[in-house]
Every structure is written in C-alpha cells, then in structure tokens.
Amino acid sequence: MKKQFVTFEIALKLKELGFDEPCFGCWENNIEFHIPFVVGYDLIAPDNFNSKDNCVSAPLWQQVIDFFREIYCVFIEIKVGDYFDTLAESYSYQAVCKVFKSGKIDGTALIRDEQDNYIFYSYSEVREKAILKAIELCQKMKLLKAID
C-alpha cells in the first residue's frame, strides 16, 4: 500500500509549494509512514496531516498530478512507447511537463533520467521523475512571481 503514496522527499517539497489537501497517509518524523486506521467499517484520518507537528501529508501519486494541473497549470503527460523492447522485456515510457499560461502552452519540458535518456522502462520511475520536474518548474514560477 505504501507504494501508492509519494516519498517523504516529494511530500516535503509539495508542502513548500503549498500543497494542503486532505490525504490518506502521512510521513511522521521524516521516516515513519502512516496510513489511517479503520474503526468498524469507517476510515478514520485527519483532514490534513500538514497541520500536525512532525507530520507531512503523503498524497497519492495521482493526487499530485491533479494538484499541478489545477493549481499551477502544469500538465504531466506520460505515454507508452510504440514498441516492446525485448532486451528490457518491457514497453518504454516517455513523459513531458507542459506549462500553460492564459490558456496557451508556455513551455514544455521533456523528462530525462540521470544518464540524460528520455526513455524509461518503469512507469513508476517516469512518474516520479515527471513529478520532480513539475516541482522544479513550479518552484521557478513561485520565485519569478515573488520577484515581480
């Protein structure tokens, strides 16, 4: 279940960007991951873990992608490659972050890995890299807004 939630490092960066939505999980004291507990058939969880001391909300991966689209107009697009790589025994994935301003595309960032490749063989890896790139783009946007 823990794989469905962002890492602590990403959760912390999201908090700095203003992410303040209800989540089903949280990171406590930088290392411990918690999910809500069940009482009877009811799921019990605080509305917002970010408001608690030593706790950072841990959103679902898709929740983060939606946050970027709705709050920053940054769209993350992940596509499956057209071919099956027999050596890697996997389809390849590619991702881009598109930034919109006033309803028009203002920039596009192709997602790359540490070896400067843009093809990934794991969906979860390309999704994480795309979210990290979106965070970087949004941090720059916040900085530019603060300067203006």
N, C-alpha and C. Protein backbone atom coordinates (compact mmCIF):
# COMPACT_ATOMS: atom_id res chain seq x y z
N MET A 1 0.83 -1.20 0.00
CA MET A 1 0.00 0.00 0.00
C MET A 1 0.86 1.25 0.00
N LYS A 2 2.01 1.20 0.68
CA LYS A 2 2.89 2.36 0.81
C LYS A 2 3.35 2.88 -0.56
N LYS A 3 3.45 2.00 -1.57
CA LYS A 3 3.90 2.40 -2.90
C LYS A 3 2.94 3.35 -3.60
N GLN A 4 1.70 3.42 -3.11
CA GLN A 4 0.70 4.29 -3.73
C GLN A 4 0.87 5.76 -3.35
N PHE A 5 1.72 6.03 -2.37
CA PHE A 5 1.92 7.38 -1.84
C PHE A 5 3.30 7.90 -2.22
N VAL A 6 3.42 9.24 -2.32
CA VAL A 6 4.70 9.85 -2.68
C VAL A 6 5.72 9.65 -1.56
N THR A 7 6.98 9.79 -1.91
CA THR A 7 8.06 9.65 -0.93
C THR A 7 8.07 10.85 0.02
N PHE A 8 8.80 10.71 1.11
CA PHE A 8 8.91 11.81 2.07
C PHE A 8 9.51 13.05 1.42
N GLU A 9 10.56 12.86 0.61
CA GLU A 9 11.23 14.00 -0.03
C GLU A 9 10.26 14.77 -0.92
N ILE A 10 9.45 14.06 -1.69
CA ILE A 10 8.48 14.72 -2.56
C ILE A 10 7.38 15.38 -1.73
N ALA A 11 6.92 14.69 -0.69
CA ALA A 11 5.87 15.26 0.18
C ALA A 11 6.33 16.57 0.80
N LEU A 12 7.57 16.64 1.23
CA LEU A 12 8.11 17.86 1.83
C LEU A 12 8.18 19.00 0.81
N LYS A 13 8.62 18.70 -0.40
CA LYS A 13 8.68 19.72 -1.45
C LYS A 13 7.28 20.22 -1.82
N LEU A 14 6.32 19.31 -1.82
CA LEU A 14 4.94 19.70 -2.12
C LEU A 14 4.38 20.62 -1.04
N LYS A 15 4.71 20.33 0.20
CA LYS A 15 4.26 21.19 1.30
C LYS A 15 4.81 22.60 1.11
N GLU A 16 6.07 22.71 0.70
CA GLU A 16 6.70 24.01 0.46
C GLU A 16 6.03 24.74 -0.71
N LEU A 17 5.47 23.98 -1.66
CA LEU A 17 4.77 24.58 -2.81
C LEU A 17 3.34 24.98 -2.48
N GLY A 18 2.89 24.62 -1.27
CA GLY A 18 1.55 24.99 -0.87
C GLY A 18 0.54 23.87 -0.93
N PHE A 19 0.99 22.63 -1.12
CA PHE A 19 0.06 21.51 -1.12
C PHE A 19 -0.56 21.40 0.27
N ASP A 20 -1.88 21.46 0.34
CA ASP A 20 -2.56 21.47 1.62
C ASP A 20 -3.92 20.77 1.50
N GLU A 21 -3.93 19.63 0.82
CA GLU A 21 -5.17 18.90 0.60
C GLU A 21 -5.25 17.71 1.54
N PRO A 22 -6.45 17.25 1.85
CA PRO A 22 -6.59 16.06 2.69
C PRO A 22 -5.93 14.84 2.03
N CYS A 23 -5.27 14.03 2.84
CA CYS A 23 -4.58 12.84 2.35
C CYS A 23 -4.89 11.65 3.24
N PHE A 24 -4.72 10.46 2.69
CA PHE A 24 -4.93 9.24 3.46
C PHE A 24 -3.68 8.78 4.18
N GLY A 25 -2.53 9.37 3.87
CA GLY A 25 -1.29 8.95 4.50
C GLY A 25 -0.46 10.12 4.94
N CYS A 26 0.53 9.84 5.78
CA CYS A 26 1.45 10.90 6.20
C CYS A 26 2.80 10.30 6.55
N TRP A 27 3.80 11.17 6.49
CA TRP A 27 5.15 10.84 6.95
C TRP A 27 5.33 11.55 8.28
N GLU A 28 5.79 10.82 9.29
CA GLU A 28 5.99 11.39 10.61
C GLU A 28 7.47 11.31 10.98
N ASN A 29 7.99 12.41 11.52
CA ASN A 29 9.39 12.47 11.95
C ASN A 29 10.37 12.06 10.85
N ASN A 30 10.03 12.39 9.62
CA ASN A 30 10.89 12.19 8.45
C ASN A 30 11.11 10.75 8.03
N ILE A 31 10.66 9.77 8.81
CA ILE A 31 10.96 8.38 8.45
C ILE A 31 9.78 7.43 8.52
N GLU A 32 8.85 7.64 9.41
CA GLU A 32 7.76 6.70 9.61
C GLU A 32 6.58 7.06 8.72
N PHE A 33 6.07 6.08 7.99
CA PHE A 33 4.91 6.28 7.14
C PHE A 33 3.69 5.72 7.85
N HIS A 34 2.58 6.47 7.84
CA HIS A 34 1.34 6.03 8.48
C HIS A 34 0.18 6.15 7.50
N ILE A 35 -0.69 5.17 7.55
CA ILE A 35 -1.96 5.27 6.85
C ILE A 35 -3.04 5.29 7.92
N PRO A 36 -4.23 5.74 7.57
CA PRO A 36 -5.28 5.85 8.58
C PRO A 36 -5.69 4.48 9.12
N PHE A 37 -6.34 4.50 10.22
CA PHE A 37 -6.81 3.25 10.81
C PHE A 37 -8.30 3.09 10.57
N VAL A 38 -8.77 1.87 10.66
CA VAL A 38 -10.17 1.56 10.41
C VAL A 38 -10.86 1.22 11.72
N VAL A 39 -12.01 1.84 11.95
CA VAL A 39 -12.84 1.54 13.11
C VAL A 39 -14.17 1.02 12.55
N GLY A 40 -14.45 -0.24 12.79
CA GLY A 40 -15.64 -0.84 12.16
C GLY A 40 -15.44 -0.83 10.66
N TYR A 41 -16.35 -0.17 9.95
CA TYR A 41 -16.21 -0.04 8.50
C TYR A 41 -15.85 1.39 8.10
N ASP A 42 -15.56 2.25 9.06
CA ASP A 42 -15.27 3.65 8.77
C ASP A 42 -13.76 3.90 8.75
N LEU A 43 -13.34 4.65 7.76
CA LEU A 43 -11.94 5.04 7.65
C LEU A 43 -11.74 6.33 8.44
N ILE A 44 -10.80 6.30 9.38
CA ILE A 44 -10.57 7.46 10.23
C ILE A 44 -9.22 8.08 9.86
N ALA A 45 -9.25 9.35 9.48
CA ALA A 45 -8.00 10.06 9.15
C ALA A 45 -8.23 11.54 9.34
N PRO A 46 -7.21 12.25 9.82
CA PRO A 46 -7.35 13.71 9.92
C PRO A 46 -7.53 14.31 8.53
N ASP A 47 -8.19 15.47 8.47
CA ASP A 47 -8.37 16.14 7.18
C ASP A 47 -7.05 16.55 6.56
N ASN A 48 -6.11 16.97 7.39
CA ASN A 48 -4.87 17.49 6.87
C ASN A 48 -3.72 17.19 7.82
N PHE A 49 -2.85 16.30 7.41
CA PHE A 49 -1.70 15.94 8.25
C PHE A 49 -0.68 17.08 8.32
N ASN A 50 -0.65 17.96 7.31
CA ASN A 50 0.33 19.06 7.30
C ASN A 50 0.20 19.97 8.51
N SER A 51 -0.97 20.02 9.12
CA SER A 51 -1.17 20.92 10.26
C SER A 51 -0.65 20.33 11.57
N LYS A 52 -0.25 19.07 11.56
CA LYS A 52 0.24 18.43 12.78
C LYS A 52 1.76 18.58 12.87
N ASP A 53 2.27 18.68 14.10
CA ASP A 53 3.71 18.77 14.31
C ASP A 53 4.39 17.48 13.86
N ASN A 54 5.58 17.61 13.26
CA ASN A 54 6.40 16.47 12.82
C ASN A 54 5.69 15.56 11.82
N CYS A 55 4.70 16.07 11.11
CA CYS A 55 3.94 15.26 10.17
C CYS A 55 3.81 16.00 8.84
N VAL A 56 3.98 15.27 7.75
CA VAL A 56 3.83 15.84 6.41
C VAL A 56 2.85 14.96 5.64
N SER A 57 1.85 15.57 5.04
CA SER A 57 0.87 14.82 4.24
C SER A 57 1.57 14.04 3.14
N ALA A 58 1.11 12.81 2.92
CA ALA A 58 1.64 11.96 1.86
C ALA A 58 0.51 11.69 0.86
N PRO A 59 0.40 12.51 -0.18
CA PRO A 59 -0.67 12.30 -1.15
C PRO A 59 -0.40 11.09 -2.04
N LEU A 60 -1.46 10.63 -2.69
CA LEU A 60 -1.33 9.62 -3.72
C LEU A 60 -0.65 10.25 -4.93
N TRP A 61 0.02 9.44 -5.74
CA TRP A 61 0.71 9.96 -6.93
C TRP A 61 -0.25 10.73 -7.83
N GLN A 62 -1.44 10.17 -8.09
CA GLN A 62 -2.39 10.85 -8.98
C GLN A 62 -2.88 12.15 -8.38
N GLN A 63 -3.00 12.20 -7.07
CA GLN A 63 -3.43 13.43 -6.40
C GLN A 63 -2.43 14.56 -6.67
N VAL A 64 -1.15 14.23 -6.73
CA VAL A 64 -0.10 15.22 -7.00
C VAL A 64 -0.20 15.70 -8.45
N ILE A 65 -0.40 14.79 -9.37
CA ILE A 65 -0.54 15.16 -10.78
C ILE A 65 -1.72 16.10 -10.97
N ASP A 66 -2.82 15.80 -10.28
CA ASP A 66 -4.00 16.68 -10.34
C ASP A 66 -3.71 18.05 -9.72
N PHE A 67 -2.96 18.07 -8.62
CA PHE A 67 -2.59 19.32 -7.94
C PHE A 67 -1.83 20.25 -8.89
N PHE A 68 -0.85 19.71 -9.60
CA PHE A 68 -0.08 20.53 -10.54
C PHE A 68 -0.96 21.10 -11.64
N ARG A 69 -1.86 20.27 -12.15
CA ARG A 69 -2.74 20.72 -13.23
C ARG A 69 -3.69 21.81 -12.74
N GLU A 70 -4.30 21.60 -11.59
CA GLU A 70 -5.33 22.52 -11.09
C GLU A 70 -4.76 23.81 -10.50
N ILE A 71 -3.64 23.74 -9.80
CA ILE A 71 -3.10 24.91 -9.10
C ILE A 71 -2.06 25.66 -9.94
N TYR A 72 -1.19 24.95 -10.63
CA TYR A 72 -0.09 25.59 -11.36
C TYR A 72 -0.22 25.55 -12.88
N CYS A 73 -1.26 24.90 -13.41
CA CYS A 73 -1.42 24.72 -14.86
C CYS A 73 -0.22 24.03 -15.48
N VAL A 74 0.34 23.07 -14.74
CA VAL A 74 1.42 22.23 -15.24
C VAL A 74 0.83 20.84 -15.46
N PHE A 75 0.84 20.39 -16.71
CA PHE A 75 0.25 19.11 -17.07
C PHE A 75 1.36 18.07 -17.25
N ILE A 76 1.23 16.95 -16.58
CA ILE A 76 2.18 15.85 -16.72
C ILE A 76 1.55 14.83 -17.66
N GLU A 77 2.24 14.53 -18.74
CA GLU A 77 1.76 13.55 -19.71
C GLU A 77 2.75 12.40 -19.78
N ILE A 78 2.27 11.20 -19.52
CA ILE A 78 3.10 10.00 -19.60
C ILE A 78 2.53 9.14 -20.72
N LYS A 79 3.41 8.76 -21.66
CA LYS A 79 2.97 7.97 -22.81
C LYS A 79 3.74 6.65 -22.85
N VAL A 80 3.05 5.61 -23.29
CA VAL A 80 3.69 4.32 -23.51
C VAL A 80 4.29 4.34 -24.90
N GLY A 81 5.53 3.84 -25.02
CA GLY A 81 6.19 3.78 -26.32
C GLY A 81 5.45 2.85 -27.27
N ASP A 82 5.72 3.00 -28.55
CA ASP A 82 5.03 2.22 -29.58
C ASP A 82 5.59 0.81 -29.74
N TYR A 83 6.70 0.53 -29.11
CA TYR A 83 7.33 -0.77 -29.32
C TYR A 83 7.65 -1.45 -28.00
N PHE A 84 7.76 -2.75 -28.08
CA PHE A 84 8.15 -3.56 -26.93
C PHE A 84 9.63 -3.83 -27.05
N ASP A 85 10.40 -3.45 -26.03
CA ASP A 85 11.85 -3.66 -26.03
C ASP A 85 12.11 -5.07 -25.51
N THR A 86 12.55 -5.96 -26.39
CA THR A 86 12.77 -7.35 -25.98
C THR A 86 13.95 -7.49 -25.02
N LEU A 87 14.95 -6.61 -25.14
CA LEU A 87 16.09 -6.66 -24.23
C LEU A 87 15.66 -6.30 -22.80
N ALA A 88 14.87 -5.27 -22.67
CA ALA A 88 14.39 -4.85 -21.34
C ALA A 88 13.13 -5.60 -20.93
N GLU A 89 12.54 -6.35 -21.86
CA GLU A 89 11.29 -7.08 -21.64
C GLU A 89 10.20 -6.15 -21.11
N SER A 90 10.08 -5.00 -21.74
CA SER A 90 9.11 -4.01 -21.30
C SER A 90 8.81 -3.02 -22.42
N TYR A 91 7.65 -2.41 -22.32
CA TYR A 91 7.36 -1.25 -23.15
C TYR A 91 8.11 -0.08 -22.55
N SER A 92 8.41 0.89 -23.36
CA SER A 92 9.09 2.08 -22.84
C SER A 92 8.06 3.16 -22.54
N TYR A 93 8.44 4.07 -21.67
CA TYR A 93 7.58 5.19 -21.30
C TYR A 93 8.34 6.49 -21.52
N GLN A 94 7.61 7.52 -21.91
CA GLN A 94 8.15 8.85 -22.03
C GLN A 94 7.21 9.81 -21.34
N ALA A 95 7.75 10.93 -20.84
CA ALA A 95 6.90 11.90 -20.16
C ALA A 95 7.35 13.31 -20.49
N VAL A 96 6.38 14.23 -20.47
CA VAL A 96 6.64 15.65 -20.63
C VAL A 96 5.83 16.41 -19.60
N CYS A 97 6.32 17.57 -19.23
CA CYS A 97 5.56 18.51 -18.41
C CYS A 97 5.25 19.70 -19.31
N LYS A 98 3.99 20.03 -19.44
CA LYS A 98 3.58 21.17 -20.24
C LYS A 98 3.06 22.25 -19.31
N VAL A 99 3.57 23.46 -19.49
CA VAL A 99 3.17 24.60 -18.67
C VAL A 99 2.26 25.49 -19.49
N PHE A 100 1.09 25.80 -18.94
CA PHE A 100 0.14 26.66 -19.63
C PHE A 100 0.04 28.01 -18.92
N LYS A 101 -0.14 29.05 -19.69
CA LYS A 101 -0.32 30.40 -19.16
C LYS A 101 -1.41 31.07 -19.99
N SER A 102 -2.42 31.58 -19.33
CA SER A 102 -3.55 32.22 -20.01
C SER A 102 -4.17 31.31 -21.06
N GLY A 103 -4.26 30.02 -20.76
CA GLY A 103 -4.89 29.07 -21.66
C GLY A 103 -4.04 28.61 -22.83
N LYS A 104 -2.81 29.10 -22.93
CA LYS A 104 -1.93 28.71 -24.04
C LYS A 104 -0.66 28.07 -23.48
N ILE A 105 -0.08 27.16 -24.26
CA ILE A 105 1.13 26.49 -23.81
C ILE A 105 2.27 27.50 -23.74
N ASP A 106 2.96 27.49 -22.60
CA ASP A 106 4.03 28.46 -22.35
C ASP A 106 5.40 27.80 -22.32
N GLY A 107 5.43 26.49 -22.27
CA GLY A 107 6.70 25.77 -22.25
C GLY A 107 6.48 24.29 -22.08
N THR A 108 7.46 23.51 -22.54
CA THR A 108 7.41 22.06 -22.43
C THR A 108 8.76 21.55 -21.96
N ALA A 109 8.75 20.64 -21.00
CA ALA A 109 9.99 20.03 -20.50
C ALA A 109 9.91 18.52 -20.71
N LEU A 110 10.83 17.98 -21.48
CA LEU A 110 10.93 16.54 -21.69
C LEU A 110 11.63 15.95 -20.47
N ILE A 111 11.10 14.88 -19.93
CA ILE A 111 11.65 14.29 -18.72
C ILE A 111 12.83 13.39 -19.08
N ARG A 112 13.93 13.58 -18.38
CA ARG A 112 15.14 12.78 -18.60
C ARG A 112 15.61 12.17 -17.30
N ASP A 113 16.41 11.11 -17.42
CA ASP A 113 16.96 10.49 -16.22
C ASP A 113 18.40 10.96 -15.98
N GLU A 114 19.06 10.35 -15.02
CA GLU A 114 20.43 10.79 -14.67
C GLU A 114 21.43 10.58 -15.81
N GLN A 115 21.16 9.60 -16.68
CA GLN A 115 22.05 9.35 -17.82
C GLN A 115 21.65 10.18 -19.05
N ASP A 116 20.74 11.13 -18.85
CA ASP A 116 20.27 12.03 -19.90
C ASP A 116 19.46 11.31 -20.98
N ASN A 117 18.85 10.19 -20.60
CA ASN A 117 17.94 9.49 -21.51
C ASN A 117 16.52 9.99 -21.29
N TYR A 118 15.67 9.82 -22.26
CA TYR A 118 14.28 10.21 -22.09
C TYR A 118 13.33 9.02 -22.21
N ILE A 119 13.88 7.82 -22.32
CA ILE A 119 13.06 6.61 -22.37
C ILE A 119 13.23 5.87 -21.04
N PHE A 120 12.11 5.50 -20.45
CA PHE A 120 12.11 4.77 -19.18
C PHE A 120 11.41 3.43 -19.39
N TYR A 121 11.78 2.43 -18.60
CA TYR A 121 11.15 1.11 -18.72
C TYR A 121 10.29 0.78 -17.52
N SER A 122 10.09 1.76 -16.66
CA SER A 122 9.22 1.58 -15.50
C SER A 122 8.28 2.78 -15.40
N TYR A 123 6.98 2.51 -15.36
CA TYR A 123 6.01 3.58 -15.24
C TYR A 123 6.22 4.37 -13.96
N SER A 124 6.46 3.68 -12.86
CA SER A 124 6.62 4.37 -11.58
C SER A 124 7.86 5.28 -11.58
N GLU A 125 8.92 4.86 -12.26
CA GLU A 125 10.12 5.69 -12.32
C GLU A 125 9.87 6.96 -13.13
N VAL A 126 9.25 6.84 -14.30
CA VAL A 126 9.00 8.03 -15.12
C VAL A 126 8.00 8.95 -14.44
N ARG A 127 7.03 8.38 -13.72
CA ARG A 127 6.05 9.22 -13.00
C ARG A 127 6.75 10.03 -11.91
N GLU A 128 7.64 9.40 -11.16
CA GLU A 128 8.37 10.11 -10.11
C GLU A 128 9.26 11.20 -10.69
N LYS A 129 9.97 10.89 -11.78
CA LYS A 129 10.84 11.89 -12.42
C LYS A 129 10.02 13.06 -12.96
N ALA A 130 8.85 12.78 -13.52
CA ALA A 130 7.99 13.84 -14.05
C ALA A 130 7.48 14.74 -12.92
N ILE A 131 7.14 14.15 -11.80
CA ILE A 131 6.67 14.94 -10.65
C ILE A 131 7.81 15.79 -10.10
N LEU A 132 9.02 15.25 -10.04
CA LEU A 132 10.16 16.05 -9.59
C LEU A 132 10.42 17.22 -10.53
N LYS A 133 10.26 16.99 -11.83
CA LYS A 133 10.43 18.07 -12.81
C LYS A 133 9.34 19.11 -12.64
N ALA A 134 8.11 18.68 -12.41
CA ALA A 134 7.00 19.61 -12.19
C ALA A 134 7.25 20.46 -10.94
N ILE A 135 7.78 19.85 -9.90
CA ILE A 135 8.13 20.59 -8.68
C ILE A 135 9.15 21.66 -9.00
N GLU A 136 10.18 21.29 -9.75
CA GLU A 136 11.22 22.25 -10.14
C GLU A 136 10.63 23.42 -10.93
N LEU A 137 9.75 23.12 -11.88
CA LEU A 137 9.12 24.17 -12.68
C LEU A 137 8.27 25.09 -11.81
N CYS A 138 7.52 24.51 -10.88
CA CYS A 138 6.64 25.30 -10.01
C CYS A 138 7.45 26.15 -9.03
N GLN A 139 8.57 25.63 -8.56
CA GLN A 139 9.44 26.43 -7.68
C GLN A 139 9.96 27.65 -8.43
N LYS A 140 10.33 27.47 -9.69
CA LYS A 140 10.79 28.60 -10.50
C LYS A 140 9.67 29.62 -10.72
N MET A 141 8.45 29.11 -10.96
CA MET A 141 7.31 30.01 -11.15
C MET A 141 7.05 30.83 -9.88
N LYS A 142 7.12 30.17 -8.71
CA LYS A 142 6.90 30.89 -7.44
C LYS A 142 7.97 31.94 -7.23
N LEU A 143 9.21 31.60 -7.58
CA LEU A 143 10.32 32.54 -7.43
C LEU A 143 10.13 33.74 -8.34
N LEU A 144 9.74 33.48 -9.58
CA LEU A 144 9.51 34.60 -10.52
C LEU A 144 8.35 35.48 -10.07
N LYS A 145 7.31 34.87 -9.51
CA LYS A 145 6.18 35.63 -9.01
C LYS A 145 6.59 36.51 -7.82
N ALA A 146 7.47 35.98 -6.98
CA ALA A 146 7.94 36.73 -5.80
C ALA A 146 8.80 37.92 -6.20
N ILE A 147 9.54 37.79 -7.30
CA ILE A 147 10.40 38.86 -7.79
C ILE A 147 9.57 40.00 -8.38
N ASP A 148 8.46 39.63 -9.07
CA ASP A 148 7.61 40.66 -9.72
C ASP A 148 6.97 41.54 -8.75
